[in-house]
Amino acid sequence: MKMSRTDITALEDIPNVGPSIAASLRLIGVSCPQDLLGKDPYTMYDDLCRITGACHDPCVIDVLLAAGRFMTGEQSKPWWKYTSERKRTLAARVRKTT
């Protein structure tokens, strides 16, 4: 059975979010799906790396993009559909700082 956004009460119910990503989200203060609304996935990733003291795989950004977009009303897509967007965005950030 397919869930709608209004049925989602747990982070793990969001498409692409499993126990590990849900635990990471909780570390950065996201405790329920609605907490994703208005959050920048790149800032969340930076916060996660800072809080854990580790550089996480950049694919985590893809998952954060997928989850956030789903919660704002976009159709669910596999996280890897956001990889090219993430790469373009990060490359543009590097160009701005050089």
Protein backbone atom coordinates (compact mmCIF):
# COMPACT_ATOMS: atom_id res chain seq x y z
CA MET A 1 0.00 0.00 0.00
CA LYS A 2 1.35 3.41 -0.99
CA MET A 3 1.39 6.06 1.73
CA SER A 4 0.64 9.71 1.19
CA ARG A 5 2.61 12.50 2.86
CA THR A 6 -0.19 13.05 5.35
CA ASP A 7 0.07 9.42 6.50
CA ILE A 8 3.78 9.69 7.21
CA THR A 9 4.60 10.14 10.87
CA ALA A 10 7.99 8.40 11.12
CA LEU A 11 11.16 9.36 9.30
CA GLU A 12 11.56 5.76 8.14
CA ASP A 13 8.24 6.04 6.29
CA ILE A 14 9.68 8.62 3.89
CA PRO A 15 10.79 7.02 0.60
CA ASN A 16 14.58 6.47 0.53
CA VAL A 17 14.93 6.90 4.31
CA GLY A 18 15.97 3.81 6.23
CA PRO A 19 17.08 3.37 9.83
CA SER A 20 20.61 4.73 9.24
CA ILE A 21 19.51 7.95 7.51
CA ALA A 22 16.72 8.39 10.06
CA ALA A 23 19.29 8.14 12.86
CA SER A 24 21.46 10.71 11.09
CA LEU A 25 18.49 13.03 10.69
CA ARG A 26 17.74 12.77 14.39
CA LEU A 27 21.35 13.73 15.18
CA ILE A 28 20.83 17.02 13.33
CA GLY A 29 17.51 17.80 14.98
CA VAL A 30 15.06 16.36 12.47
CA SER A 31 12.72 14.24 14.57
CA CYS A 32 9.65 13.99 12.35
CA PRO A 33 9.03 14.15 8.59
CA GLN A 34 7.57 17.67 8.75
CA ASP A 35 10.87 18.92 10.21
CA LEU A 36 12.36 18.50 6.72
CA LEU A 37 10.19 21.30 5.35
CA GLY A 38 12.26 24.39 4.66
CA LYS A 39 15.58 22.68 5.39
CA ASP A 40 18.52 22.90 2.99
CA PRO A 41 19.87 19.39 2.25
CA TYR A 42 23.41 20.73 1.79
CA THR A 43 23.34 22.50 5.15
CA MET A 44 21.92 19.37 6.78
CA TYR A 45 24.78 17.35 5.29
CA ASP A 46 27.35 19.87 6.54
CA ASP A 47 25.74 19.77 9.99
CA LEU A 48 25.84 15.97 10.01
CA CYS A 49 29.53 15.92 9.13
CA ARG A 50 30.30 18.55 11.77
CA ILE A 51 28.28 16.85 14.53
CA THR A 52 29.68 13.38 13.86
CA GLY A 53 33.21 14.58 13.16
CA ALA A 54 33.27 12.53 9.96
CA CYS A 55 32.95 13.30 6.29
CA HIS A 56 29.98 11.24 5.10
CA ASP A 57 29.51 9.89 1.60
CA PRO A 58 28.13 12.68 -0.62
CA CYS A 59 25.33 10.31 -1.65
CA VAL A 60 23.77 11.20 1.70
CA ILE A 61 23.00 14.58 0.11
CA ASP A 62 21.09 12.76 -2.63
CA VAL A 63 18.96 11.01 -0.02
CA LEU A 64 18.35 14.29 1.79
CA LEU A 65 17.32 15.92 -1.49
CA ALA A 66 14.96 13.04 -2.29
CA ALA A 67 13.38 13.06 1.18
CA GLY A 68 13.00 16.82 1.35
CA ARG A 69 11.53 17.11 -2.11
CA PHE A 70 9.07 14.33 -1.40
CA MET A 71 7.92 16.09 1.75
CA THR A 72 7.36 19.33 -0.20
CA GLY A 73 5.06 17.59 -2.63
CA GLU A 74 7.22 16.20 -5.40
CA GLN A 75 6.71 12.67 -6.60
CA SER A 76 8.92 10.09 -4.93
CA LYS A 77 12.09 9.31 -6.90
CA PRO A 78 15.00 7.01 -6.10
CA TRP A 79 17.79 8.91 -4.33
CA TRP A 80 20.24 8.35 -7.20
CA LYS A 81 18.07 10.48 -9.47
CA TYR A 82 19.47 13.46 -7.53
CA THR A 83 23.15 12.59 -7.99
CA SER A 84 23.70 14.75 -11.08
CA GLU A 85 21.96 17.71 -9.41
CA ARG A 86 24.16 17.33 -6.32
CA LYS A 87 27.32 17.15 -8.44
CA ARG A 88 26.35 20.29 -10.39
CA THR A 89 25.48 22.18 -7.21
CA LEU A 90 28.70 21.25 -5.43
CA ALA A 91 30.77 22.07 -8.52
CA ALA A 92 29.10 25.48 -8.74
CA ARG A 93 29.93 26.11 -5.08
CA VAL A 94 33.58 25.31 -5.72
CA ARG A 95 33.66 27.70 -8.69
CA LYS A 96 32.19 30.48 -6.51
CA THR A 97 34.93 30.10 -3.91
CA THR A 98 37.83 30.08 -6.36
